[in-house]
Amino acid sequence: MQAGKACIIAVTNRTRSPAASDIPTAQEAGYSDLAVDGFQGFFGWRDMPDALRDRIAADVRAVAADPALAERLKTIGQAVRVGTTQEFVAMIAEQRAKIARIARVIGLRPQP
């Protein structure tokens, strides 16, 4: 992009990229169905004790609150957004449902 060999017309996240704030989101460009947020998170085993999960989540929130980390991540187009366990579960469910709808529309089927 910086060399002029590619032109980015939109980012798929719901918010603009911190590394390229002049590039609109897909929704702003008129393609709201293309909005798919990228996100990362930590996963534990199915029956992880609540106390351990909560302690790890608190540690992650403490690290994410460091402005130096946010600045380093911003340079590679990442934004720190920390939520609750319930919010993370809801984001995953929303993404899964959206991708499943897209797969049905274009006729993708799971392969054995």
PDB file of N, CA and C in Angstrom:
ATOM      1  N   MET A   1       0.825  -1.179   0.000  1.00  0.00           N
ATOM      2  CA  MET A   1       0.000   0.000   0.000  1.00  0.00           C
ATOM      3  C   MET A   1       0.879   1.255   0.000  1.00  0.00           C
ATOM      4  N   GLN A   2       1.875   1.281   0.859  1.00  0.00           N
ATOM      5  CA  GLN A   2       2.737   2.451   0.939  1.00  0.00           C
ATOM      6  C   GLN A   2       3.567   2.641  -0.322  1.00  0.00           C
ATOM      7  N   ALA A   3       3.843   1.545  -1.024  1.00  0.00           N
ATOM      8  CA  ALA A   3       4.604   1.629  -2.271  1.00  0.00           C
ATOM      9  C   ALA A   3       3.717   1.986  -3.458  1.00  0.00           C
ATOM     10  N   GLY A   4       2.405   2.085  -3.229  1.00  0.00           N
ATOM     11  CA  GLY A   4       1.493   2.440  -4.294  1.00  0.00           C
ATOM     12  C   GLY A   4       1.094   1.278  -5.188  1.00  0.00           C
ATOM     13  N   LYS A   5       1.375   0.064  -4.769  1.00  0.00           N
ATOM     14  CA  LYS A   5       1.056  -1.107  -5.579  1.00  0.00           C
ATOM     15  C   LYS A   5      -0.264  -1.757  -5.200  1.00  0.00           C
ATOM     16  N   ALA A   6      -0.853  -1.312  -4.131  1.00  0.00           N
ATOM     17  CA  ALA A   6      -2.138  -1.842  -3.693  1.00  0.00           C
ATOM     18  C   ALA A   6      -2.965  -0.691  -3.136  1.00  0.00           C
ATOM     19  N   CYS A   7      -4.253  -0.823  -3.273  1.00  0.00           N
ATOM     20  CA  CYS A   7      -5.163   0.187  -2.755  1.00  0.00           C
ATOM     21  C   CYS A   7      -6.169  -0.511  -1.847  1.00  0.00           C
ATOM     22  N   ILE A   8      -6.156  -0.162  -0.598  1.00  0.00           N
ATOM     23  CA  ILE A   8      -7.088  -0.759   0.354  1.00  0.00           C
ATOM     24  C   ILE A   8      -8.345   0.097   0.362  1.00  0.00           C
ATOM     25  N   ILE A   9      -9.476  -0.526   0.054  1.00  0.00           N
ATOM     26  CA  ILE A   9     -10.716   0.243  -0.019  1.00  0.00           C
ATOM     27  C   ILE A   9     -11.506   0.219   1.281  1.00  0.00           C
ATOM     28  N   ALA A  10     -11.240  -0.766   2.148  1.00  0.00           N
ATOM     29  CA  ALA A  10     -11.952  -0.839   3.424  1.00  0.00           C
ATOM     30  C   ALA A  10     -11.290  -1.876   4.321  1.00  0.00           C
ATOM     31  N   VAL A  11     -11.535  -1.742   5.618  1.00  0.00           N
ATOM     32  CA  VAL A  11     -11.146  -2.767   6.581  1.00  0.00           C
ATOM     33  C   VAL A  11     -12.422  -3.454   7.045  1.00  0.00           C
ATOM     34  N   THR A  12     -12.327  -4.718   7.403  1.00  0.00           N
ATOM     35  CA  THR A  12     -13.535  -5.451   7.758  1.00  0.00           C
ATOM     36  C   THR A  12     -13.979  -5.245   9.199  1.00  0.00           C
ATOM     37  N   ASN A  13     -13.104  -4.763  10.058  1.00  0.00           N
ATOM     38  CA  ASN A  13     -13.500  -4.531  11.451  1.00  0.00           C
ATOM     39  C   ASN A  13     -14.574  -3.454  11.528  1.00  0.00           C
ATOM     40  N   ARG A  14     -15.285  -3.422  12.645  1.00  0.00           N
ATOM     41  CA  ARG A  14     -16.335  -2.422  12.834  1.00  0.00           C
ATOM     42  C   ARG A  14     -15.767  -1.034  13.120  1.00  0.00           C
ATOM     43  N   THR A  15     -14.510  -0.995  13.512  1.00  0.00           N
ATOM     44  CA  THR A  15     -13.861   0.289  13.762  1.00  0.00           C
ATOM     45  C   THR A  15     -12.642   0.402  12.853  1.00  0.00           C
ATOM     46  N   ARG A  16     -12.245   1.608  12.568  1.00  0.00           N
ATOM     47  CA  ARG A  16     -11.083   1.831  11.705  1.00  0.00           C
ATOM     48  C   ARG A  16      -9.810   1.329  12.375  1.00  0.00           C
ATOM     49  N   SER A  17      -8.870   0.936  11.541  1.00  0.00           N
ATOM     50  CA  SER A  17      -7.595   0.445  12.049  1.00  0.00           C
ATOM     51  C   SER A  17      -6.779   1.600  12.609  1.00  0.00           C
ATOM     52  N   PRO A  18      -6.178   1.430  13.779  1.00  0.00           N
ATOM     53  CA  PRO A  18      -5.341   2.498  14.325  1.00  0.00           C
ATOM     54  C   PRO A  18      -4.116   2.771  13.456  1.00  0.00           C
ATOM     55  N   ALA A  19      -3.714   1.803  12.654  1.00  0.00           N
ATOM     56  CA  ALA A  19      -2.539   1.987  11.796  1.00  0.00           C
ATOM     57  C   ALA A  19      -2.886   2.665  10.469  1.00  0.00           C
ATOM     58  N   ALA A  20      -4.176   2.733  10.150  1.00  0.00           N
ATOM     59  CA  ALA A  20      -4.602   3.336   8.883  1.00  0.00           C
ATOM     60  C   ALA A  20      -5.970   3.977   9.076  1.00  0.00           C
ATOM     61  N   SER A  21      -6.025   4.988   9.908  1.00  0.00           N
ATOM     62  CA  SER A  21      -7.304   5.580  10.285  1.00  0.00           C
ATOM     63  C   SER A  21      -8.009   6.295   9.135  1.00  0.00           C
ATOM     64  N   ASP A  22      -7.317   6.504   8.019  1.00  0.00           N
ATOM     65  CA  ASP A  22      -7.948   7.145   6.871  1.00  0.00           C
ATOM     66  C   ASP A  22      -8.722   6.158   5.997  1.00  0.00           C
ATOM     67  N   ILE A  23      -8.579   4.866   6.247  1.00  0.00           N
ATOM     68  CA  ILE A  23      -9.277   3.838   5.464  1.00  0.00           C
ATOM     69  C   ILE A  23     -10.606   3.526   6.151  1.00  0.00           C
ATOM     70  N   PRO A  24     -11.713   3.625   5.405  1.00  0.00           N
ATOM     71  CA  PRO A  24     -13.022   3.386   6.031  1.00  0.00           C
ATOM     72  C   PRO A  24     -13.244   1.921   6.370  1.00  0.00           C
ATOM     73  N   THR A  25     -14.227   1.691   7.213  1.00  0.00           N
ATOM     74  CA  THR A  25     -14.645   0.321   7.504  1.00  0.00           C
ATOM     75  C   THR A  25     -15.533  -0.147   6.346  1.00  0.00           C
ATOM     76  N   ALA A  26     -15.750  -1.452   6.260  1.00  0.00           N
ATOM     77  CA  ALA A  26     -16.639  -1.991   5.228  1.00  0.00           C
ATOM     78  C   ALA A  26     -18.031  -1.395   5.383  1.00  0.00           C
ATOM     79  N   GLN A  27     -18.462  -1.228   6.613  1.00  0.00           N
ATOM     80  CA  GLN A  27     -19.781  -0.655   6.866  1.00  0.00           C
ATOM     81  C   GLN A  27     -19.838   0.785   6.360  1.00  0.00           C
ATOM     82  N   GLU A  28     -18.809   1.566   6.631  1.00  0.00           N
ATOM     83  CA  GLU A  28     -18.774   2.946   6.152  1.00  0.00           C
ATOM     84  C   GLU A  28     -18.743   3.014   4.625  1.00  0.00           C
ATOM     85  N   ALA A  29     -18.139   2.000   4.002  1.00  0.00           N
ATOM     86  CA  ALA A  29     -18.049   1.954   2.545  1.00  0.00           C
ATOM     87  C   ALA A  29     -19.326   1.401   1.908  1.00  0.00           C
ATOM     88  N   GLY A  30     -20.316   1.065   2.733  1.00  0.00           N
ATOM     89  CA  GLY A  30     -21.585   0.590   2.217  1.00  0.00           C
ATOM     90  C   GLY A  30     -21.722  -0.915   2.126  1.00  0.00           C
ATOM     91  N   TYR A  31     -20.817  -1.657   2.767  1.00  0.00           N
ATOM     92  CA  TYR A  31     -20.833  -3.121   2.712  1.00  0.00           C
ATOM     93  C   TYR A  31     -20.904  -3.709   4.116  1.00  0.00           C
ATOM     94  N   SER A  32     -21.987  -3.429   4.812  1.00  0.00           N
ATOM     95  CA  SER A  32     -22.086  -3.853   6.213  1.00  0.00           C
ATOM     96  C   SER A  32     -22.040  -5.371   6.363  1.00  0.00           C
ATOM     97  N   ASP A  33     -22.459  -6.124   5.342  1.00  0.00           N
ATOM     98  CA  ASP A  33     -22.406  -7.586   5.442  1.00  0.00           C
ATOM     99  C   ASP A  33     -20.977  -8.116   5.453  1.00  0.00           C
ATOM    100  N   LEU A  34     -20.014  -7.302   5.045  1.00  0.00           N
ATOM    101  CA  LEU A  34     -18.613  -7.732   5.044  1.00  0.00           C
ATOM    102  C   LEU A  34     -17.916  -7.494   6.377  1.00  0.00           C
ATOM    103  N   ALA A  35     -18.593  -6.865   7.312  1.00  0.00           N
ATOM    104  CA  ALA A  35     -17.975  -6.557   8.600  1.00  0.00           C
ATOM    105  C   ALA A  35     -17.754  -7.836   9.398  1.00  0.00           C
ATOM    106  N   VAL A  36     -16.504  -8.147   9.640  1.00  0.00           N
ATOM    107  CA  VAL A  36     -16.109  -9.294  10.462  1.00  0.00           C
ATOM    108  C   VAL A  36     -14.937  -8.836  11.315  1.00  0.00           C
ATOM    109  N   ASP A  37     -15.169  -8.705  12.596  1.00  0.00           N
ATOM    110  CA  ASP A  37     -14.101  -8.256  13.483  1.00  0.00           C
ATOM    111  C   ASP A  37     -13.071  -9.349  13.700  1.00  0.00           C
ATOM    112  N   GLY A  38     -11.823  -8.961  13.672  1.00  0.00           N
ATOM    113  CA  GLY A  38     -10.761  -9.867  14.081  1.00  0.00           C
ATOM    114  C   GLY A  38     -10.558  -9.695  15.576  1.00  0.00           C
ATOM    115  N   PHE A  39     -10.335 -10.768  16.262  1.00  0.00           N
ATOM    116  CA  PHE A  39     -10.088 -10.657  17.696  1.00  0.00           C
ATOM    117  C   PHE A  39      -9.251 -11.834  18.161  1.00  0.00           C
ATOM    118  N   GLN A  40      -8.597 -11.635  19.267  1.00  0.00           N
ATOM    119  CA  GLN A  40      -7.801 -12.683  19.887  1.00  0.00           C
ATOM    120  C   GLN A  40      -8.269 -12.838  21.319  1.00  0.00           C
ATOM    121  N   GLY A  41      -7.989 -13.991  21.856  1.00  0.00           N
ATOM    122  CA  GLY A  41      -8.348 -14.221  23.237  1.00  0.00           C
ATOM    123  C   GLY A  41      -7.634 -15.439  23.773  1.00  0.00           C
ATOM    124  N   PHE A  42      -7.842 -15.688  25.022  1.00  0.00           N
ATOM    125  CA  PHE A  42      -7.248 -16.840  25.672  1.00  0.00           C
ATOM    126  C   PHE A  42      -8.341 -17.870  25.926  1.00  0.00           C
ATOM    127  N   PHE A  43      -8.005 -19.116  25.670  1.00  0.00           N
ATOM    128  CA  PHE A  43      -8.962 -20.198  25.870  1.00  0.00           C
ATOM    129  C   PHE A  43      -8.407 -21.172  26.899  1.00  0.00           C
ATOM    130  N   GLY A  44      -9.296 -21.659  27.716  1.00  0.00           N
ATOM    131  CA  GLY A  44      -8.928 -22.682  28.692  1.00  0.00           C
ATOM    132  C   GLY A  44      -9.716 -23.945  28.408  1.00  0.00           C
ATOM    133  N   TRP A  45      -9.534 -24.930  29.224  1.00  0.00           N
ATOM    134  CA  TRP A  45     -10.260 -26.173  29.034  1.00  0.00           C
ATOM    135  C   TRP A  45     -11.705 -25.996  29.473  1.00  0.00           C
ATOM    136  N   ARG A  46     -12.542 -26.898  29.018  1.00  0.00           N
ATOM    137  CA  ARG A  46     -13.991 -26.790  29.201  1.00  0.00           C
ATOM    138  C   ARG A  46     -14.405 -26.599  30.664  1.00  0.00           C
ATOM    139  N   ASP A  47     -13.849 -27.333  31.580  1.00  0.00           N
ATOM    140  CA  ASP A  47     -14.266 -27.258  32.981  1.00  0.00           C
ATOM    141  C   ASP A  47     -13.271 -26.489  33.842  1.00  0.00           C
ATOM    142  N   MET A  48     -12.627 -25.488  33.275  1.00  0.00           N
ATOM    143  CA  MET A  48     -11.669 -24.682  34.027  1.00  0.00           C
ATOM    144  C   MET A  48     -12.384 -24.069  35.242  1.00  0.00           C
ATOM    145  N   PRO A  49     -11.781 -24.149  36.403  1.00  0.00           N
ATOM    146  CA  PRO A  49     -12.399 -23.545  37.589  1.00  0.00           C
ATOM    147  C   PRO A  49     -12.595 -22.033  37.398  1.00  0.00           C
ATOM    148  N   ASP A  50     -13.731 -21.534  37.834  1.00  0.00           N
ATOM    149  CA  ASP A  50     -14.043 -20.110  37.694  1.00  0.00           C
ATOM    150  C   ASP A  50     -12.970 -19.230  38.324  1.00  0.00           C
ATOM    151  N   ALA A  51     -12.463 -19.638  39.485  1.00  0.00           N
ATOM    152  CA  ALA A  51     -11.455 -18.822  40.171  1.00  0.00           C
ATOM    153  C   ALA A  51     -10.191 -18.674  39.321  1.00  0.00           C
ATOM    154  N   LEU A  52      -9.771 -19.747  38.674  1.00  0.00           N
ATOM    155  CA  LEU A  52      -8.587 -19.679  37.816  1.00  0.00           C
ATOM    156  C   LEU A  52      -8.865 -18.820  36.591  1.00  0.00           C
ATOM    157  N   ARG A  53     -10.011 -19.023  35.959  1.00  0.00           N
ATOM    158  CA  ARG A  53     -10.389 -18.219  34.796  1.00  0.00           C
ATOM    159  C   ARG A  53     -10.419 -16.734  35.159  1.00  0.00           C
ATOM    160  N   ASP A  54     -11.006 -16.415  36.299  1.00  0.00           N
ATOM    161  CA  ASP A  54     -11.106 -15.021  36.721  1.00  0.00           C
ATOM    162  C   ASP A  54      -9.738 -14.431  37.033  1.00  0.00           C
ATOM    163  N   ARG A  55      -8.837 -15.234  37.618  1.00  0.00           N
ATOM    164  CA  ARG A  55      -7.487 -14.743  37.924  1.00  0.00           C
ATOM    165  C   ARG A  55      -6.723 -14.456  36.627  1.00  0.00           C
ATOM    166  N   ILE A  56      -6.819 -15.351  35.646  1.00  0.00           N
ATOM    167  CA  ILE A  56      -6.156 -15.134  34.360  1.00  0.00           C
ATOM    168  C   ILE A  56      -6.739 -13.901  33.676  1.00  0.00           C
ATOM    169  N   ALA A  57      -8.058 -13.762  33.698  1.00  0.00           N
ATOM    170  CA  ALA A  57      -8.705 -12.598  33.081  1.00  0.00           C
ATOM    171  C   ALA A  57      -8.246 -11.299  33.742  1.00  0.00           C
ATOM    172  N   ALA A  58      -8.105 -11.309  35.051  1.00  0.00           N
ATOM    173  CA  ALA A  58      -7.628 -10.111  35.761  1.00  0.00           C
ATOM    174  C   ALA A  58      -6.197  -9.782  35.357  1.00  0.00           C
ATOM    175  N   ASP A  59      -5.353 -10.807  35.214  1.00  0.00           N
ATOM    176  CA  ASP A  59      -3.968 -10.581  34.775  1.00  0.00           C
ATOM    177  C   ASP A  59      -3.926 -10.001  33.365  1.00  0.00           C
ATOM    178  N   VAL A  60      -4.763 -10.526  32.482  1.00  0.00           N
ATOM    179  CA  VAL A  60      -4.812 -10.018  31.110  1.00  0.00           C
ATOM    180  C   VAL A  60      -5.270  -8.558  31.112  1.00  0.00           C
ATOM    181  N   ARG A  61      -6.286  -8.233  31.903  1.00  0.00           N
ATOM    182  CA  ARG A  61      -6.743  -6.834  31.981  1.00  0.00           C
ATOM    183  C   ARG A  61      -5.643  -5.920  32.495  1.00  0.00           C
ATOM    184  N   ALA A  62      -4.875  -6.388  33.466  1.00  0.00           N
ATOM    185  CA  ALA A  62      -3.784  -5.569  34.014  1.00  0.00           C
ATOM    186  C   ALA A  62      -2.719  -5.310  32.957  1.00  0.00           C
ATOM    187  N   VAL A  63      -2.353  -6.327  32.205  1.00  0.00           N
ATOM    188  CA  VAL A  63      -1.349  -6.159  31.147  1.00  0.00           C
ATOM    189  C   VAL A  63      -1.891  -5.249  30.048  1.00  0.00           C
ATOM    190  N   ALA A  64      -3.152  -5.447  29.678  1.00  0.00           N
ATOM    191  CA  ALA A  64      -3.755  -4.660  28.598  1.00  0.00           C
ATOM    192  C   ALA A  64      -3.895  -3.189  28.961  1.00  0.00           C
ATOM    193  N   ALA A  65      -3.887  -2.876  30.247  1.00  0.00           N
ATOM    194  CA  ALA A  65      -4.006  -1.485  30.683  1.00  0.00           C
ATOM    195  C   ALA A  65      -2.712  -0.707  30.517  1.00  0.00           C
ATOM    196  N   ASP A  66      -1.621  -1.383  30.184  1.00  0.00           N
ATOM    197  CA  ASP A  66      -0.324  -0.726  30.021  1.00  0.00           C
ATOM    198  C   ASP A  66      -0.320   0.076  28.722  1.00  0.00           C
ATOM    199  N   PRO A  67      -0.189   1.403  28.792  1.00  0.00           N
ATOM    200  CA  PRO A  67      -0.205   2.233  27.586  1.00  0.00           C
ATOM    201  C   PRO A  67       0.919   1.881  26.598  1.00  0.00           C
ATOM    202  N   ALA A  68       2.045   1.393  27.106  1.00  0.00           N
ATOM    203  CA  ALA A  68       3.151   1.018  26.225  1.00  0.00           C
ATOM    204  C   ALA A  68       2.753  -0.158  25.340  1.00  0.00           C
ATOM    205  N   LEU A  69       2.023  -1.105  25.902  1.00  0.00           N
ATOM    206  CA  LEU A  69       1.553  -2.242  25.111  1.00  0.00           C
ATOM    207  C   LEU A  69       0.591  -1.766  24.029  1.00  0.00           C
ATOM    208  N   ALA A  70      -0.353  -0.929  24.405  1.00  0.00           N
ATOM    209  CA  ALA A  70      -1.316  -0.417  23.434  1.00  0.00           C
ATOM    210  C   ALA A  70      -0.602   0.304  22.294  1.00  0.00           C
ATOM    211  N   GLU A  71       0.409   1.066  22.605  1.00  0.00           N
ATOM    212  CA  GLU A  71       1.154   1.799  21.573  1.00  0.00           C
ATOM    213  C   GLU A  71       1.907   0.844  20.652  1.00  0.00           C
ATOM    214  N   ARG A  72       2.533  -0.166  21.216  1.00  0.00           N
ATOM    215  CA  ARG A  72       3.244  -1.152  20.378  1.00  0.00           C
ATOM    216  C   ARG A  72       2.286  -1.886  19.459  1.00  0.00           C
ATOM    217  N   LEU A  73       1.131  -2.270  19.974  1.00  0.00           N
ATOM    218  CA  LEU A  73       0.162  -2.979  19.154  1.00  0.00           C
ATOM    219  C   LEU A  73      -0.431  -2.066  18.080  1.00  0.00           C
ATOM    220  N   LYS A  74      -0.578  -0.802  18.392  1.00  0.00           N
ATOM    221  CA  LYS A  74      -1.113   0.156  17.424  1.00  0.00           C
ATOM    222  C   LYS A  74      -0.235   0.231  16.178  1.00  0.00           C
ATOM    223  N   THR A  75       1.077   0.096  16.348  1.00  0.00           N
ATOM    224  CA  THR A  75       1.985   0.199  15.204  1.00  0.00           C
ATOM    225  C   THR A  75       1.796  -0.928  14.197  1.00  0.00           C
ATOM    226  N   ILE A  76       1.172  -2.026  14.633  1.00  0.00           N
ATOM    227  CA  ILE A  76       0.919  -3.129  13.698  1.00  0.00           C
ATOM    228  C   ILE A  76      -0.581  -3.271  13.390  1.00  0.00           C
ATOM    229  N   GLY A  77      -1.322  -2.210  13.678  1.00  0.00           N
ATOM    230  CA  GLY A  77      -2.732  -2.197  13.328  1.00  0.00           C
ATOM    231  C   GLY A  77      -3.659  -2.875  14.297  1.00  0.00           C
ATOM    232  N   GLN A  78      -3.192  -3.165  15.490  1.00  0.00           N
ATOM    233  CA  GLN A  78      -4.025  -3.829  16.496  1.00  0.00           C
ATOM    234  C   GLN A  78      -4.516  -2.810  17.514  1.00  0.00           C
ATOM    235  N   ALA A  79      -5.682  -3.052  18.028  1.00  0.00           N
ATOM    236  CA  ALA A  79      -6.237  -2.205  19.080  1.00  0.00           C
ATOM    237  C   ALA A  79      -6.541  -3.082  20.285  1.00  0.00           C
ATOM    238  N   VAL A  80      -6.189  -2.596  21.457  1.00  0.00           N
ATOM    239  CA  VAL A  80      -6.461  -3.337  22.686  1.00  0.00           C
ATOM    240  C   VAL A  80      -7.909  -3.073  23.078  1.00  0.00           C
ATOM    241  N   ARG A  81      -8.652  -4.143  23.201  1.00  0.00           N
ATOM    242  CA  ARG A  81     -10.049  -4.041  23.623  1.00  0.00           C
ATOM    243  C   ARG A  81     -10.300  -5.226  24.547  1.00  0.00           C
ATOM    244  N   VAL A  82     -10.393  -4.956  25.816  1.00  0.00           N
ATOM    245  CA  VAL A  82     -10.554  -6.016  26.803  1.00  0.00           C
ATOM    246  C   VAL A  82     -11.999  -6.020  27.282  1.00  0.00           C
ATOM    247  N   GLY A  83     -12.583  -7.197  27.303  1.00  0.00           N
ATOM    248  CA  GLY A  83     -13.954  -7.323  27.781  1.00  0.00           C
ATOM    249  C   GLY A  83     -14.054  -8.430  28.804  1.00  0.00           C
ATOM    250  N   THR A  84     -15.268  -8.756  29.116  1.00  0.00           N
ATOM    251  CA  THR A  84     -15.529  -9.819  30.082  1.00  0.00           C
ATOM    252  C   THR A  84     -15.545 -11.175  29.372  1.00  0.00           C
ATOM    253  N   THR A  85     -15.513 -12.218  30.160  1.00  0.00           N
ATOM    254  CA  THR A  85     -15.613 -13.568  29.618  1.00  0.00           C
ATOM    255  C   THR A  85     -16.916 -13.717  28.844  1.00  0.00           C
ATOM    256  N   GLN A  86     -17.990 -13.187  29.382  1.00  0.00           N
ATOM    257  CA  GLN A  86     -19.293 -13.291  28.723  1.00  0.00           C
ATOM    258  C   GLN A  86     -19.297 -12.543  27.388  1.00  0.00           C
ATOM    259  N   GLU A  87     -18.659 -11.396  27.330  1.00  0.00           N
ATOM    260  CA  GLU A  87     -18.578 -10.646  26.071  1.00  0.00           C
ATOM    261  C   GLU A  87     -17.772 -11.422  25.026  1.00  0.00           C
ATOM    262  N   PHE A  88     -16.703 -12.069  25.455  1.00  0.00           N
ATOM    263  CA  PHE A  88     -15.876 -12.858  24.539  1.00  0.00           C
ATOM    264  C   PHE A  88     -16.678 -14.038  23.993  1.00  0.00           C
ATOM    265  N   VAL A  89     -17.404 -14.723  24.859  1.00  0.00           N
ATOM    266  CA  VAL A  89     -18.248 -15.842  24.428  1.00  0.00           C
ATOM    267  C   VAL A  89     -19.283 -15.345  23.421  1.00  0.00           C
ATOM    268  N   ALA A  90     -19.878 -14.182  23.676  1.00  0.00           N
ATOM    269  CA  ALA A  90     -20.885 -13.627  22.768  1.00  0.00           C
ATOM    270  C   ALA A  90     -20.265 -13.259  21.417  1.00  0.00           C
ATOM    271  N   MET A  91     -19.055 -12.708  21.421  1.00  0.00           N
ATOM    272  CA  MET A  91     -18.378 -12.372  20.161  1.00  0.00           C
ATOM    273  C   MET A  91     -18.120 -13.625  19.332  1.00  0.00           C
ATOM    274  N   ILE A  92     -17.675 -14.671  19.979  1.00  0.00           N
ATOM    275  CA  ILE A  92     -17.406 -15.925  19.273  1.00  0.00           C
ATOM    276  C   ILE A  92     -18.702 -16.478  18.679  1.00  0.00           C
ATOM    277  N   ALA A  93     -19.771 -16.468  19.449  1.00  0.00           N
ATOM    278  CA  ALA A  93     -21.061 -16.977  18.962  1.00  0.00           C
ATOM    279  C   ALA A  93     -21.555 -16.156  17.774  1.00  0.00           C
ATOM    280  N   GLU A  94     -21.411 -14.844  17.862  1.00  0.00           N
ATOM    281  CA  GLU A  94     -21.842 -13.963  16.766  1.00  0.00           C
ATOM    282  C   GLU A  94     -21.039 -14.246  15.494  1.00  0.00           C
ATOM    283  N   GLN A  95     -19.711 -14.362  15.636  1.00  0.00           N
ATOM    284  CA  GLN A  95     -18.861 -14.650  14.473  1.00  0.00           C
ATOM    285  C   GLN A  95     -19.206 -16.012  13.877  1.00  0.00           C
ATOM    286  N   ARG A  96     -19.386 -17.001  14.734  1.00  0.00           N
ATOM    287  CA  ARG A  96     -19.698 -18.351  14.263  1.00  0.00           C
ATOM    288  C   ARG A  96     -20.998 -18.346  13.466  1.00  0.00           C
ATOM    289  N   ALA A  97     -22.012 -17.666  13.969  1.00  0.00           N
ATOM    290  CA  ALA A  97     -23.300 -17.605  13.274  1.00  0.00           C
ATOM    291  C   ALA A  97     -23.164 -16.876  11.939  1.00  0.00           C
ATOM    292  N   LYS A  98     -22.413 -15.798  11.921  1.00  0.00           N
ATOM    293  CA  LYS A  98     -22.239 -15.032  10.680  1.00  0.00           C
ATOM    294  C   LYS A  98     -21.503 -15.859   9.628  1.00  0.00           C
ATOM    295  N   ILE A  99     -20.430 -16.519  10.016  1.00  0.00           N
ATOM    296  CA  ILE A  99     -19.663 -17.341   9.080  1.00  0.00           C
ATOM    297  C   ILE A  99     -20.504 -18.518   8.595  1.00  0.00           C
ATOM    298  N   ALA A 100     -21.324 -19.095   9.470  1.00  0.00           N
ATOM    299  CA  ALA A 100     -22.207 -20.199   9.068  1.00  0.00           C
ATOM    300  C   ALA A 100     -23.221 -19.722   8.037  1.00  0.00           C
ATOM    301  N   ARG A 101     -23.773 -18.514   8.231  1.00  0.00           N
ATOM    302  CA  ARG A 101     -24.717 -17.964   7.244  1.00  0.00           C
ATOM    303  C   ARG A 101     -24.035 -17.757   5.898  1.00  0.00           C
ATOM    304  N   ILE A 102     -22.832 -17.221   5.918  1.00  0.00           N
ATOM    305  CA  ILE A 102     -22.086 -16.993   4.675  1.00  0.00           C
ATOM    306  C   ILE A 102     -21.805 -18.328   3.990  1.00  0.00           C
ATOM    307  N   ALA A 103     -21.396 -19.322   4.770  1.00  0.00           N
ATOM    308  CA  ALA A 103     -21.102 -20.642   4.204  1.00  0.00           C
ATOM    309  C   ALA A 103     -22.339 -21.232   3.532  1.00  0.00           C
ATOM    310  N   ARG A 104     -23.504 -21.085   4.170  1.00  0.00           N
ATOM    311  CA  ARG A 104     -24.742 -21.594   3.568  1.00  0.00           C
ATOM    312  C   ARG A 104     -25.058 -20.874   2.259  1.00  0.00           C
ATOM    313  N   VAL A 105     -24.912 -19.554   2.259  1.00  0.00           N
ATOM    314  CA  VAL A 105     -25.236 -18.766   1.066  1.00  0.00           C
ATOM    315  C   VAL A 105     -24.357 -19.165  -0.117  1.00  0.00           C
ATOM    316  N   ILE A 106     -23.066 -19.402   0.146  1.00  0.00           N
ATOM    317  CA  ILE A 106     -22.182 -19.743  -0.975  1.00  0.00           C
ATOM    318  C   ILE A 106     -22.053 -21.239  -1.189  1.00  0.00           C
ATOM    319  N   GLY A 107     -22.783 -22.021  -0.395  1.00  0.00           N
ATOM    320  CA  GLY A 107     -22.844 -23.454  -0.626  1.00  0.00           C
ATOM    321  C   GLY A 107     -21.686 -24.270  -0.090  1.00  0.00           C
ATOM    322  N   LEU A 108     -20.980 -23.753   0.894  1.00  0.00           N
ATOM    323  CA  LEU A 108     -19.895 -24.543   1.494  1.00  0.00           C
ATOM    324  C   LEU A 108     -20.474 -25.606   2.405  1.00  0.00           C
ATOM    325  N   ARG A 109     -19.873 -26.758   2.382  1.00  0.00           N
ATOM    326  CA  ARG A 109     -20.285 -27.873   3.228  1.00  0.00           C
ATOM    327  C   ARG A 109     -19.060 -28.392   3.977  1.00  0.00           C
ATOM    328  N   PRO A 110     -19.250 -28.825   5.205  1.00  0.00           N
ATOM    329  CA  PRO A 110     -18.115 -29.403   5.951  1.00  0.00           C
ATOM    330  C   PRO A 110     -17.576 -30.635   5.211  1.00  0.00           C
ATOM    331  N   GLN A 111     -16.284 -30.792   5.232  1.00  0.00           N
ATOM    332  CA  GLN A 111     -15.648 -31.947   4.600  1.00  0.00           C
ATOM    333  C   GLN A 111     -15.283 -32.958   5.675  1.00  0.00           C
ATOM    334  N   PRO A 112     -15.473 -34.256   5.368  1.00  0.00           N
ATOM    335  CA  PRO A 112     -15.146 -35.284   6.364  1.00  0.00           C
ATOM    336  C   PRO A 112     -13.645 -35.389   6.577  1.00  0.00           C
TER     337      PRO A 112
END
